[in-house]
Amino acid sequence: MSQAKNDLFEKPLQDLAVLFKALGHPARLQILKFLGTRNSCFSGDLSEVIPLGRTTVNQHLAELKKAGLIKGTTCGSKTNYCLHPEGINLLANCGLTFCKELQTNIDANTTC
């Protein structure tokens, strides 16, 4: 059985890559910012704020949900979305730790 190339890396790096990948599109960042301004909203509400079609917005929501940054509750035929506190905390903690590690290893006198 072949091994996925991601499996060659430490689990914390794999987890961080999933989170960073979810942040890799401006629409997803806008969705997170929008959800951060309110407790929750329906996907249709996002379609009015994000300059993309509903299907595309739903695809971005699915990526954010898969990464654990948002969660959704189905209410009839609609889905109500909100930020997922555990996912946002994980992003903040892991992302900050990763960046601090990079900063620690920077030699101000190094040129390349």
N, C-alpha and C. Protein backbone atom coordinates (compact mmCIF):
# COMPACT_ATOMS: atom_id res chain seq x y z
N MET A 1 0.85 -1.19 0.00
CA MET A 1 0.00 0.00 0.00
C MET A 1 0.89 1.25 0.00
N SER A 2 0.60 2.18 -0.87
CA SER A 2 1.43 3.38 -0.96
C SER A 2 1.05 4.36 0.15
N GLN A 3 2.02 5.19 0.47
CA GLN A 3 1.85 6.16 1.54
C GLN A 3 1.61 7.53 0.91
N ALA A 4 0.64 8.28 1.45
CA ALA A 4 0.41 9.63 0.97
C ALA A 4 1.61 10.49 1.35
N LYS A 5 1.98 11.40 0.47
CA LYS A 5 3.15 12.23 0.74
C LYS A 5 2.97 13.08 1.99
N ASN A 6 1.74 13.49 2.28
CA ASN A 6 1.49 14.25 3.51
C ASN A 6 1.87 13.45 4.74
N ASP A 7 1.71 12.12 4.67
CA ASP A 7 2.01 11.27 5.81
C ASP A 7 3.50 11.23 6.14
N LEU A 8 4.33 11.75 5.27
CA LEU A 8 5.77 11.79 5.52
C LEU A 8 6.14 12.89 6.51
N PHE A 9 5.18 13.76 6.83
CA PHE A 9 5.44 14.89 7.71
C PHE A 9 4.76 14.71 9.05
N GLU A 10 5.26 15.43 10.05
CA GLU A 10 4.71 15.35 11.40
C GLU A 10 3.23 15.74 11.40
N LYS A 11 2.46 15.10 12.28
CA LYS A 11 1.01 15.34 12.38
C LYS A 11 0.70 16.82 12.62
N PRO A 12 1.42 17.53 13.51
CA PRO A 12 1.10 18.95 13.68
C PRO A 12 1.25 19.76 12.39
N LEU A 13 2.25 19.42 11.57
CA LEU A 13 2.41 20.13 10.30
C LEU A 13 1.29 19.78 9.32
N GLN A 14 0.86 18.53 9.33
CA GLN A 14 -0.26 18.12 8.48
C GLN A 14 -1.53 18.88 8.87
N ASP A 15 -1.79 18.97 10.17
CA ASP A 15 -2.98 19.68 10.66
C ASP A 15 -2.93 21.16 10.30
N LEU A 16 -1.75 21.76 10.47
CA LEU A 16 -1.59 23.17 10.16
C LEU A 16 -1.77 23.42 8.67
N ALA A 17 -1.29 22.51 7.84
CA ALA A 17 -1.44 22.65 6.38
C ALA A 17 -2.91 22.64 5.98
N VAL A 18 -3.71 21.80 6.62
CA VAL A 18 -5.15 21.75 6.34
C VAL A 18 -5.79 23.10 6.66
N LEU A 19 -5.42 23.66 7.81
CA LEU A 19 -5.97 24.96 8.20
C LEU A 19 -5.52 26.06 7.24
N PHE A 20 -4.22 26.09 6.91
CA PHE A 20 -3.71 27.11 6.01
C PHE A 20 -4.32 26.97 4.61
N LYS A 21 -4.53 25.75 4.16
CA LYS A 21 -5.15 25.54 2.85
C LYS A 21 -6.56 26.12 2.84
N ALA A 22 -7.28 25.93 3.94
CA ALA A 22 -8.64 26.47 4.02
C ALA A 22 -8.64 27.99 3.96
N LEU A 23 -7.54 28.61 4.37
CA LEU A 23 -7.43 30.06 4.34
C LEU A 23 -6.88 30.58 3.01
N GLY A 24 -6.64 29.66 2.07
CA GLY A 24 -5.95 30.00 0.84
C GLY A 24 -6.78 30.67 -0.24
N HIS A 25 -7.96 31.14 0.10
CA HIS A 25 -8.78 31.84 -0.90
C HIS A 25 -9.41 33.05 -0.22
N PRO A 26 -9.39 34.22 -0.88
CA PRO A 26 -9.95 35.42 -0.26
C PRO A 26 -11.44 35.29 0.10
N ALA A 27 -12.19 34.51 -0.66
CA ALA A 27 -13.61 34.33 -0.34
C ALA A 27 -13.77 33.65 1.02
N ARG A 28 -12.90 32.69 1.31
CA ARG A 28 -12.99 31.99 2.60
C ARG A 28 -12.61 32.91 3.75
N LEU A 29 -11.61 33.75 3.52
CA LEU A 29 -11.26 34.73 4.54
C LEU A 29 -12.41 35.69 4.78
N GLN A 30 -13.07 36.11 3.70
CA GLN A 30 -14.22 37.03 3.83
C GLN A 30 -15.36 36.34 4.58
N ILE A 31 -15.59 35.07 4.31
CA ILE A 31 -16.64 34.33 5.01
C ILE A 31 -16.33 34.29 6.50
N LEU A 32 -15.08 33.98 6.85
CA LEU A 32 -14.70 33.94 8.27
C LEU A 32 -14.88 35.30 8.93
N LYS A 33 -14.46 36.36 8.23
CA LYS A 33 -14.63 37.71 8.77
C LYS A 33 -16.10 38.03 8.98
N PHE A 34 -16.92 37.68 8.01
CA PHE A 34 -18.35 37.95 8.11
C PHE A 34 -18.97 37.19 9.28
N LEU A 35 -18.63 35.90 9.40
CA LEU A 35 -19.17 35.11 10.50
C LEU A 35 -18.66 35.62 11.85
N GLY A 36 -17.49 36.22 11.86
CA GLY A 36 -16.96 36.79 13.09
C GLY A 36 -17.72 38.01 13.57
N THR A 37 -18.51 38.62 12.70
CA THR A 37 -19.27 39.81 13.08
C THR A 37 -20.67 39.49 13.60
N ARG A 38 -21.04 38.21 13.56
CA ARG A 38 -22.38 37.82 14.01
C ARG A 38 -22.32 36.42 14.60
N ASN A 39 -23.36 36.04 15.30
CA ASN A 39 -23.39 34.71 15.92
C ASN A 39 -23.52 33.61 14.88
N SER A 40 -24.34 33.84 13.87
CA SER A 40 -24.55 32.83 12.83
C SER A 40 -25.26 33.47 11.65
N CYS A 41 -25.29 32.74 10.54
CA CYS A 41 -26.05 33.20 9.39
C CYS A 41 -26.33 32.02 8.47
N PHE A 42 -27.30 32.18 7.62
CA PHE A 42 -27.63 31.17 6.62
C PHE A 42 -26.76 31.38 5.38
N SER A 43 -26.53 30.31 4.65
CA SER A 43 -25.67 30.39 3.47
C SER A 43 -26.19 31.41 2.46
N GLY A 44 -27.49 31.54 2.37
CA GLY A 44 -28.07 32.53 1.45
C GLY A 44 -27.68 33.95 1.81
N ASP A 45 -27.54 34.23 3.12
CA ASP A 45 -27.09 35.54 3.57
C ASP A 45 -25.67 35.82 3.09
N LEU A 46 -24.84 34.79 3.10
CA LEU A 46 -23.46 34.95 2.64
C LEU A 46 -23.40 35.25 1.16
N SER A 47 -24.31 34.69 0.40
CA SER A 47 -24.33 34.92 -1.04
C SER A 47 -24.59 36.38 -1.37
N GLU A 48 -25.23 37.09 -0.44
CA GLU A 48 -25.48 38.51 -0.65
C GLU A 48 -24.25 39.36 -0.33
N VAL A 49 -23.33 38.83 0.47
CA VAL A 49 -22.14 39.57 0.90
C VAL A 49 -20.91 39.20 0.07
N ILE A 50 -20.82 37.94 -0.32
CA ILE A 50 -19.68 37.44 -1.09
C ILE A 50 -20.03 37.57 -2.58
N PRO A 51 -19.17 38.20 -3.39
CA PRO A 51 -19.51 38.44 -4.80
C PRO A 51 -19.32 37.20 -5.68
N LEU A 52 -19.89 36.09 -5.25
CA LEU A 52 -19.81 34.84 -6.00
C LEU A 52 -21.18 34.17 -5.99
N GLY A 53 -21.39 33.25 -6.89
CA GLY A 53 -22.66 32.53 -6.94
C GLY A 53 -22.85 31.63 -5.72
N ARG A 54 -24.09 31.26 -5.46
CA ARG A 54 -24.41 30.43 -4.29
C ARG A 54 -23.67 29.10 -4.29
N THR A 55 -23.57 28.48 -5.44
CA THR A 55 -22.89 27.19 -5.52
C THR A 55 -21.42 27.34 -5.11
N THR A 56 -20.78 28.39 -5.59
CA THR A 56 -19.37 28.64 -5.26
C THR A 56 -19.22 28.95 -3.77
N VAL A 57 -20.12 29.76 -3.24
CA VAL A 57 -20.08 30.07 -1.80
C VAL A 57 -20.24 28.78 -1.00
N ASN A 58 -21.15 27.92 -1.43
CA ASN A 58 -21.35 26.64 -0.72
C ASN A 58 -20.10 25.76 -0.77
N GLN A 59 -19.38 25.79 -1.89
CA GLN A 59 -18.13 25.04 -1.98
C GLN A 59 -17.09 25.57 -1.00
N HIS A 60 -17.02 26.89 -0.86
CA HIS A 60 -16.08 27.49 0.09
C HIS A 60 -16.49 27.17 1.53
N LEU A 61 -17.78 27.18 1.79
CA LEU A 61 -18.27 26.81 3.12
C LEU A 61 -17.89 25.37 3.45
N ALA A 62 -17.99 24.49 2.47
CA ALA A 62 -17.65 23.08 2.68
C ALA A 62 -16.17 22.93 3.03
N GLU A 63 -15.29 23.70 2.38
CA GLU A 63 -13.86 23.64 2.68
C GLU A 63 -13.57 24.13 4.10
N LEU A 64 -14.22 25.22 4.48
CA LEU A 64 -14.03 25.75 5.84
C LEU A 64 -14.56 24.78 6.90
N LYS A 65 -15.66 24.14 6.57
CA LYS A 65 -16.25 23.16 7.50
C LYS A 65 -15.35 21.93 7.61
N LYS A 66 -14.82 21.47 6.49
CA LYS A 66 -13.93 20.31 6.48
C LYS A 66 -12.68 20.57 7.32
N ALA A 67 -12.21 21.82 7.32
CA ALA A 67 -11.03 22.20 8.10
C ALA A 67 -11.36 22.42 9.57
N GLY A 68 -12.65 22.41 9.90
CA GLY A 68 -13.06 22.59 11.30
C GLY A 68 -13.12 24.03 11.76
N LEU A 69 -13.10 24.98 10.81
CA LEU A 69 -13.13 26.40 11.18
C LEU A 69 -14.55 26.93 11.35
N ILE A 70 -15.51 26.29 10.71
CA ILE A 70 -16.91 26.66 10.89
C ILE A 70 -17.72 25.39 11.13
N LYS A 71 -18.93 25.58 11.60
CA LYS A 71 -19.86 24.46 11.72
C LYS A 71 -21.22 24.92 11.22
N GLY A 72 -22.03 23.96 10.83
CA GLY A 72 -23.34 24.28 10.28
C GLY A 72 -24.42 23.40 10.87
N THR A 73 -25.58 23.99 11.05
CA THR A 73 -26.74 23.27 11.56
C THR A 73 -27.85 23.40 10.53
N THR A 74 -28.39 22.26 10.12
CA THR A 74 -29.46 22.27 9.12
C THR A 74 -30.78 22.64 9.79
N CYS A 75 -31.45 23.62 9.19
CA CYS A 75 -32.77 24.07 9.65
C CYS A 75 -33.71 23.99 8.46
N GLY A 76 -34.41 22.87 8.33
CA GLY A 76 -35.26 22.67 7.17
C GLY A 76 -34.41 22.49 5.94
N SER A 77 -34.60 23.35 4.96
CA SER A 77 -33.81 23.24 3.72
C SER A 77 -32.60 24.17 3.73
N LYS A 78 -32.40 24.91 4.82
CA LYS A 78 -31.29 25.85 4.92
C LYS A 78 -30.27 25.36 5.94
N THR A 79 -29.05 25.86 5.81
CA THR A 79 -28.01 25.55 6.79
C THR A 79 -27.55 26.85 7.43
N ASN A 80 -27.52 26.84 8.75
CA ASN A 80 -27.09 27.98 9.54
C ASN A 80 -25.63 27.76 9.92
N TYR A 81 -24.75 28.70 9.57
CA TYR A 81 -23.32 28.56 9.80
C TYR A 81 -22.85 29.51 10.89
N CYS A 82 -21.81 29.08 11.61
CA CYS A 82 -21.15 29.93 12.59
C CYS A 82 -19.69 29.49 12.70
N LEU A 83 -18.88 30.33 13.32
CA LEU A 83 -17.50 29.96 13.57
C LEU A 83 -17.45 28.79 14.54
N HIS A 84 -16.51 27.90 14.36
CA HIS A 84 -16.32 26.78 15.28
C HIS A 84 -15.21 27.19 16.25
N PRO A 85 -15.57 27.48 17.51
CA PRO A 85 -14.58 28.02 18.46
C PRO A 85 -13.31 27.16 18.59
N GLU A 86 -13.47 25.85 18.64
CA GLU A 86 -12.29 24.99 18.79
C GLU A 86 -11.36 25.11 17.58
N GLY A 87 -11.95 25.16 16.39
CA GLY A 87 -11.14 25.28 15.17
C GLY A 87 -10.43 26.62 15.09
N ILE A 88 -11.12 27.68 15.46
CA ILE A 88 -10.52 29.02 15.43
C ILE A 88 -9.41 29.10 16.47
N ASN A 89 -9.63 28.53 17.65
CA ASN A 89 -8.59 28.52 18.68
C ASN A 89 -7.38 27.71 18.24
N LEU A 90 -7.62 26.58 17.60
CA LEU A 90 -6.53 25.76 17.09
C LEU A 90 -5.72 26.53 16.05
N LEU A 91 -6.41 27.21 15.14
CA LEU A 91 -5.74 28.02 14.13
C LEU A 91 -4.89 29.09 14.79
N ALA A 92 -5.46 29.79 15.76
CA ALA A 92 -4.73 30.86 16.43
C ALA A 92 -3.50 30.32 17.16
N ASN A 93 -3.67 29.26 17.89
CA ASN A 93 -2.56 28.71 18.67
C ASN A 93 -1.48 28.10 17.79
N CYS A 94 -1.88 27.24 16.86
CA CYS A 94 -0.90 26.58 15.99
C CYS A 94 -0.23 27.57 15.05
N GLY A 95 -1.01 28.47 14.49
CA GLY A 95 -0.45 29.46 13.57
C GLY A 95 0.53 30.38 14.27
N LEU A 96 0.17 30.81 15.47
CA LEU A 96 1.05 31.68 16.24
C LEU A 96 2.33 30.96 16.63
N THR A 97 2.20 29.72 17.08
CA THR A 97 3.37 28.93 17.46
C THR A 97 4.29 28.74 16.26
N PHE A 98 3.71 28.41 15.12
CA PHE A 98 4.50 28.21 13.91
C PHE A 98 5.26 29.49 13.53
N CYS A 99 4.57 30.61 13.54
CA CYS A 99 5.20 31.88 13.17
C CYS A 99 6.27 32.28 14.17
N LYS A 100 6.03 32.02 15.46
CA LYS A 100 7.05 32.33 16.46
C LYS A 100 8.30 31.48 16.26
N GLU A 101 8.11 30.21 15.88
CA GLU A 101 9.26 29.35 15.58
C GLU A 101 10.06 29.92 14.42
N LEU A 102 9.37 30.40 13.41
CA LEU A 102 10.06 31.00 12.26
C LEU A 102 10.82 32.25 12.69
N GLN A 103 10.17 33.10 13.48
CA GLN A 103 10.81 34.33 13.93
C GLN A 103 12.04 34.04 14.78
N THR A 104 11.97 33.03 15.62
CA THR A 104 13.08 32.66 16.48
C THR A 104 14.29 32.24 15.65
N ASN A 105 14.03 31.61 14.52
CA ASN A 105 15.13 31.10 13.69
C ASN A 105 15.68 32.11 12.68
N ILE A 106 15.09 33.28 12.64
CA ILE A 106 15.57 34.31 11.71
C ILE A 106 16.81 34.96 12.30
N ASP A 107 17.85 34.98 11.51
CA ASP A 107 19.08 35.67 11.88
C ASP A 107 19.06 37.01 11.16
N ALA A 108 18.99 38.07 11.92
CA ALA A 108 18.88 39.41 11.32
C ALA A 108 20.05 39.75 10.41
N ASN A 109 21.17 39.08 10.59
CA ASN A 109 22.36 39.39 9.78
C ASN A 109 22.47 38.49 8.54
N THR A 110 21.54 37.57 8.39
CA THR A 110 21.60 36.65 7.25
C THR A 110 21.07 37.35 5.99
N THR A 111 21.81 37.16 4.92
CA THR A 111 21.34 37.66 3.62
C THR A 111 21.31 36.47 2.67
N CYS A 112 20.43 36.55 1.72
CA CYS A 112 20.38 35.49 0.71
C CYS A 112 20.13 36.07 -0.64
